Amino acid sequence: MPISLVYLLWSIPVLVAVSLVMAATRHERWDLIVKQAISSGLWTLTFLGAIALALGIAMWWIG
């Protein structure tokens, strides 16, 4: 059963919130918080994209 795009869009606010909280625990200046949040958000998206790609290939290969 494929995942609907609407369900995937719910992950965007969660990703933004988690990235901002993680960055705010390490820095106090807003410019550093935003820079760290963008960096960690991109890293997380890349990681989750790699997992989704691997699962997609596995599902295609299995049948």
Protein backbone atom coordinates (compact mmCIF):
# COMPACT_ATOMS: atom_id res chain seq x y z
CA MET A 1 0.00 0.00 0.00
CA PRO A 2 1.65 3.27 -1.07
CA ILE A 3 1.99 6.13 1.38
CA SER A 4 -0.08 9.19 0.55
CA LEU A 5 1.75 12.47 -0.03
CA VAL A 6 -0.44 14.11 2.63
CA TYR A 7 1.04 11.84 5.30
CA LEU A 8 4.55 12.69 4.17
CA LEU A 9 3.81 16.43 4.35
CA TRP A 10 3.10 16.06 8.08
CA SER A 11 6.79 15.33 8.59
CA ILE A 12 7.84 18.84 7.47
CA PRO A 13 6.68 20.73 10.60
CA VAL A 14 8.10 17.99 12.80
CA LEU A 15 11.44 18.19 11.00
CA VAL A 16 11.54 21.99 11.33
CA ALA A 17 10.65 21.88 15.04
CA VAL A 18 13.19 19.18 15.87
CA SER A 19 15.93 20.95 13.92
CA LEU A 20 15.25 24.27 15.66
CA VAL A 21 15.17 22.69 19.13
CA MET A 22 18.40 20.79 18.51
CA ALA A 23 20.10 23.94 17.24
CA ALA A 24 18.80 26.07 20.12
CA THR A 25 20.24 23.66 22.68
CA ARG A 26 23.71 24.21 21.21
CA HIS A 27 23.68 27.95 20.42
CA GLU A 28 22.20 31.15 21.81
CA ARG A 29 22.60 33.48 18.82
CA TRP A 30 19.81 33.38 16.23
CA ASP A 31 22.13 33.35 13.24
CA LEU A 32 23.91 30.26 14.57
CA ILE A 33 20.62 28.61 15.50
CA VAL A 34 19.21 29.08 11.99
CA LYS A 35 22.46 27.93 10.36
CA GLN A 36 22.59 24.79 12.53
CA ALA A 37 18.86 24.10 12.02
CA ILE A 38 19.21 24.26 8.24
CA SER A 39 22.27 22.04 8.35
CA SER A 40 20.65 19.43 10.56
CA GLY A 41 17.39 19.59 8.59
CA LEU A 42 19.19 18.92 5.31
CA TRP A 43 21.19 16.10 6.90
CA THR A 44 17.99 14.52 8.26
CA LEU A 45 16.20 14.86 4.91
CA THR A 46 19.14 13.24 3.14
CA PHE A 47 19.22 10.39 5.64
CA LEU A 48 15.47 9.78 5.42
CA GLY A 49 15.61 10.04 1.63
CA ALA A 50 18.32 7.38 1.51
CA ILE A 51 16.21 5.09 3.68
CA ALA A 52 13.13 5.69 1.49
CA LEU A 53 15.17 4.97 -1.64
CA ALA A 54 16.57 1.75 -0.16
CA LEU A 55 13.09 0.61 0.88
CA GLY A 56 11.68 1.51 -2.54
CA ILE A 57 14.37 -0.50 -4.30
CA ALA A 58 13.83 -3.43 -1.92
CA MET A 59 10.07 -3.37 -2.51
CA TRP A 60 10.61 -3.20 -6.29
CA TRP A 61 13.10 -6.07 -6.18
CA ILE A 62 10.92 -8.31 -3.99
CA GLY A 63 7.92 -7.92 -6.15
